[in-house]
């Protein structure tokens, strides 16, 4: 079961991983792009981190919506839209139930729909 606390923990760990991986993600992006993927992802992650720190009452669905909008609004390029849609679809799925596999599958569907994959 996905609780508010586990949702906040999961999102916080995701943010922490992005913070630790910024330079590595930039390096990967240099060979095919402009080398700013890590910096872009970090911008969205830090915005989400600030919003999570302020939040005291949201439910899990609202937290995933907050994550989705944070990445759409603050992360450049296709990554912001893809991650944003994953989180938004997860939020919608949570409104229907709390089956973790279904929630994750919904996030994947969001990426596939936007990315036409």
C-alpha atoms as a PDB file:
ATOM      1  CA  UNK A   1       0.000   0.000   0.000  1.00  0.00           C
ATOM      2  CA  UNK A   2       1.292   3.420  -0.924  1.00  0.00           C
ATOM      3  CA  UNK A   3       0.955   5.792   2.015  1.00  0.00           C
ATOM      4  CA  UNK A   4       1.625   9.520   2.154  1.00  0.00           C
ATOM      5  CA  UNK A   5       4.799   8.845   4.111  1.00  0.00           C
ATOM      6  CA  UNK A   6       6.117   6.258   1.642  1.00  0.00           C
ATOM      7  CA  UNK A   7       5.242   8.597  -1.249  1.00  0.00           C
ATOM      8  CA  UNK A   8       7.190  11.452   0.339  1.00  0.00           C
ATOM      9  CA  UNK A   9      10.108   9.119   1.064  1.00  0.00           C
ATOM     10  CA  UNK A  10      10.128   7.781  -2.492  1.00  0.00           C
ATOM     11  CA  UNK A  11      10.051  11.280  -3.986  1.00  0.00           C
ATOM     12  CA  UNK A  12      12.771  12.470  -1.594  1.00  0.00           C
ATOM     13  CA  UNK A  13      15.016   9.556  -2.551  1.00  0.00           C
ATOM     14  CA  UNK A  14      14.374  10.289  -6.236  1.00  0.00           C
ATOM     15  CA  UNK A  15      15.394  13.920  -5.682  1.00  0.00           C
ATOM     16  CA  UNK A  16      18.499  12.840  -3.750  1.00  0.00           C
ATOM     17  CA  UNK A  17      19.540  10.519  -6.578  1.00  0.00           C
ATOM     18  CA  UNK A  18      19.156  13.336  -9.113  1.00  0.00           C
ATOM     19  CA  UNK A  19      21.204  15.665  -6.913  1.00  0.00           C
ATOM     20  CA  UNK A  20      24.005  13.096  -6.730  1.00  0.00           C
ATOM     21  CA  UNK A  21      23.851  12.346 -10.479  1.00  0.00           C
ATOM     22  CA  UNK A  22      23.747  15.841 -11.994  1.00  0.00           C
ATOM     23  CA  UNK A  23      27.300  15.821 -13.374  1.00  0.00           C
ATOM     24  CA  UNK A  24      27.021  12.248 -14.604  1.00  0.00           C
ATOM     25  CA  UNK A  25      23.766  13.024 -16.452  1.00  0.00           C
ATOM     26  CA  UNK A  26      25.348  16.133 -17.970  1.00  0.00           C
ATOM     27  CA  UNK A  27      28.295  14.050 -19.170  1.00  0.00           C
ATOM     28  CA  UNK A  28      25.997  11.506 -20.806  1.00  0.00           C
ATOM     29  CA  UNK A  29      24.106  14.313 -22.535  1.00  0.00           C
ATOM     30  CA  UNK A  30      27.295  15.899 -23.937  1.00  0.00           C
ATOM     31  CA  UNK A  31      27.740  13.198 -26.566  1.00  0.00           C
ATOM     32  CA  UNK A  32      24.292  13.744 -28.117  1.00  0.00           C
ATOM     33  CA  UNK A  33      23.108  17.114 -26.829  1.00  0.00           C
ATOM     34  CA  UNK A  34      24.182  20.249 -25.062  1.00  0.00           C
ATOM     35  CA  UNK A  35      25.264  18.633 -21.802  1.00  0.00           C
ATOM     36  CA  UNK A  36      22.593  20.104 -19.562  1.00  0.00           C
ATOM     37  CA  UNK A  37      20.278  17.152 -18.847  1.00  0.00           C
ATOM     38  CA  UNK A  38      21.484  16.764 -15.261  1.00  0.00           C
ATOM     39  CA  UNK A  39      21.182  20.484 -14.577  1.00  0.00           C
ATOM     40  CA  UNK A  40      17.678  20.543 -16.048  1.00  0.00           C
ATOM     41  CA  UNK A  41      16.547  17.533 -14.019  1.00  0.00           C
ATOM     42  CA  UNK A  42      18.063  19.042 -10.899  1.00  0.00           C
ATOM     43  CA  UNK A  43      16.118  22.263 -11.428  1.00  0.00           C
ATOM     44  CA  UNK A  44      12.834  20.347 -11.440  1.00  0.00           C
ATOM     45  CA  UNK A  45      13.929  18.209  -8.496  1.00  0.00           C
ATOM     46  CA  UNK A  46      14.920  21.173  -6.365  1.00  0.00           C
ATOM     47  CA  UNK A  47      11.631  22.909  -7.091  1.00  0.00           C
ATOM     48  CA  UNK A  48       9.790  19.759  -6.014  1.00  0.00           C
ATOM     49  CA  UNK A  49      11.983  19.476  -2.916  1.00  0.00           C
ATOM     50  CA  UNK A  50      10.988  22.995  -1.837  1.00  0.00           C
ATOM     51  CA  UNK A  51       7.313  22.279  -2.440  1.00  0.00           C
ATOM     52  CA  UNK A  52       7.503  19.031  -0.447  1.00  0.00           C
ATOM     53  CA  UNK A  53       9.162  20.868   2.444  1.00  0.00           C
ATOM     54  CA  UNK A  54       6.249  23.314   2.555  1.00  0.00           C
ATOM     55  CA  UNK A  55       3.551  20.638   2.276  1.00  0.00           C
ATOM     56  CA  UNK A  56       1.919  19.205   5.372  1.00  0.00           C
ATOM     57  CA  UNK A  57      -1.472  18.000   4.194  1.00  0.00           C
ATOM     58  CA  UNK A  58      -1.379  16.527   0.701  1.00  0.00           C
ATOM     59  CA  UNK A  59      -2.407  12.993  -0.041  1.00  0.00           C
ATOM     60  CA  UNK A  60      -0.286  10.710  -2.225  1.00  0.00           C
ATOM     61  CA  UNK A  61      -2.200  11.542  -5.410  1.00  0.00           C
ATOM     62  CA  UNK A  62      -1.651  15.248  -4.780  1.00  0.00           C
ATOM     63  CA  UNK A  63       2.059  14.667  -4.118  1.00  0.00           C
ATOM     64  CA  UNK A  64       2.486  12.901  -7.457  1.00  0.00           C
ATOM     65  CA  UNK A  65       0.565  15.710  -9.164  1.00  0.00           C
ATOM     66  CA  UNK A  66       2.897  18.192  -7.451  1.00  0.00           C
ATOM     67  CA  UNK A  67       5.885  16.210  -8.748  1.00  0.00           C
ATOM     68  CA  UNK A  68       4.481  16.109 -12.270  1.00  0.00           C
ATOM     69  CA  UNK A  69       3.804  19.826 -12.412  1.00  0.00           C
ATOM     70  CA  UNK A  70       7.221  20.603 -10.893  1.00  0.00           C
ATOM     71  CA  UNK A  71       9.020  18.727 -13.652  1.00  0.00           C
ATOM     72  CA  UNK A  72       6.797  20.128 -16.408  1.00  0.00           C
ATOM     73  CA  UNK A  73       7.242  23.705 -15.194  1.00  0.00           C
ATOM     74  CA  UNK A  74      10.926  23.701 -14.239  1.00  0.00           C
ATOM     75  CA  UNK A  75      12.716  21.028 -16.269  1.00  0.00           C
ATOM     76  CA  UNK A  76      13.648  21.897 -19.817  1.00  0.00           C
ATOM     77  CA  UNK A  77      13.500  19.740 -22.891  1.00  0.00           C
ATOM     78  CA  UNK A  78      11.580  16.551 -23.423  1.00  0.00           C
ATOM     79  CA  UNK A  79      12.605  15.151 -20.034  1.00  0.00           C
ATOM     80  CA  UNK A  80      10.407  17.572 -18.115  1.00  0.00           C
ATOM     81  CA  UNK A  81       7.353  16.611 -20.104  1.00  0.00           C
ATOM     82  CA  UNK A  82       8.103  12.885 -19.955  1.00  0.00           C
ATOM     83  CA  UNK A  83       8.770  12.767 -16.215  1.00  0.00           C
ATOM     84  CA  UNK A  84       5.896  15.160 -15.617  1.00  0.00           C
ATOM     85  CA  UNK A  85       3.436  12.989 -17.496  1.00  0.00           C
ATOM     86  CA  UNK A  86       4.642   9.883 -15.682  1.00  0.00           C
ATOM     87  CA  UNK A  87       3.918  11.504 -12.326  1.00  0.00           C
ATOM     88  CA  UNK A  88       0.599  12.987 -13.483  1.00  0.00           C
ATOM     89  CA  UNK A  89      -0.598   9.604 -14.731  1.00  0.00           C
ATOM     90  CA  UNK A  90       0.478   8.043 -11.442  1.00  0.00           C
ATOM     91  CA  UNK A  91      -1.555  10.691  -9.640  1.00  0.00           C
ATOM     92  CA  UNK A  92      -4.634   9.895 -11.706  1.00  0.00           C
ATOM     93  CA  UNK A  93      -4.211   6.185 -11.080  1.00  0.00           C
ATOM     94  CA  UNK A  94      -3.992   6.773  -7.330  1.00  0.00           C
ATOM     95  CA  UNK A  95      -7.398   8.399  -7.389  1.00  0.00           C
ATOM     96  CA  UNK A  96      -8.802   5.083  -8.574  1.00  0.00           C
ATOM     97  CA  UNK A  97      -6.957   2.847  -6.080  1.00  0.00           C
ATOM     98  CA  UNK A  98      -3.659   2.211  -4.363  1.00  0.00           C
ATOM     99  CA  UNK A  99      -2.355  -0.804  -6.284  1.00  0.00           C
ATOM    100  CA  UNK A 100       1.353  -0.037  -6.652  1.00  0.00           C
ATOM    101  CA  UNK A 101       1.810  -2.083  -9.816  1.00  0.00           C
ATOM    102  CA  UNK A 102      -1.156  -0.331 -11.425  1.00  0.00           C
ATOM    103  CA  UNK A 103       0.201   3.069 -10.374  1.00  0.00           C
ATOM    104  CA  UNK A 104       3.615   2.353 -11.894  1.00  0.00           C
ATOM    105  CA  UNK A 105       2.022   0.938 -15.064  1.00  0.00           C
ATOM    106  CA  UNK A 106      -0.012   4.122 -15.383  1.00  0.00           C
ATOM    107  CA  UNK A 107       3.187   6.193 -15.146  1.00  0.00           C
ATOM    108  CA  UNK A 108       4.723   4.103 -17.911  1.00  0.00           C
ATOM    109  CA  UNK A 109       1.630   4.615 -20.045  1.00  0.00           C
ATOM    110  CA  UNK A 110       2.016   8.370 -19.604  1.00  0.00           C
ATOM    111  CA  UNK A 111       5.594   8.236 -20.886  1.00  0.00           C
ATOM    112  CA  UNK A 112       4.624   5.987 -23.784  1.00  0.00           C
ATOM    113  CA  UNK A 113       1.716   8.235 -24.766  1.00  0.00           C
ATOM    114  CA  UNK A 114       3.698  11.474 -24.750  1.00  0.00           C
ATOM    115  CA  UNK A 115       6.880   9.935 -26.145  1.00  0.00           C
ATOM    116  CA  UNK A 116       5.000   7.850 -28.702  1.00  0.00           C
ATOM    117  CA  UNK A 117       7.023   4.834 -27.642  1.00  0.00           C
END
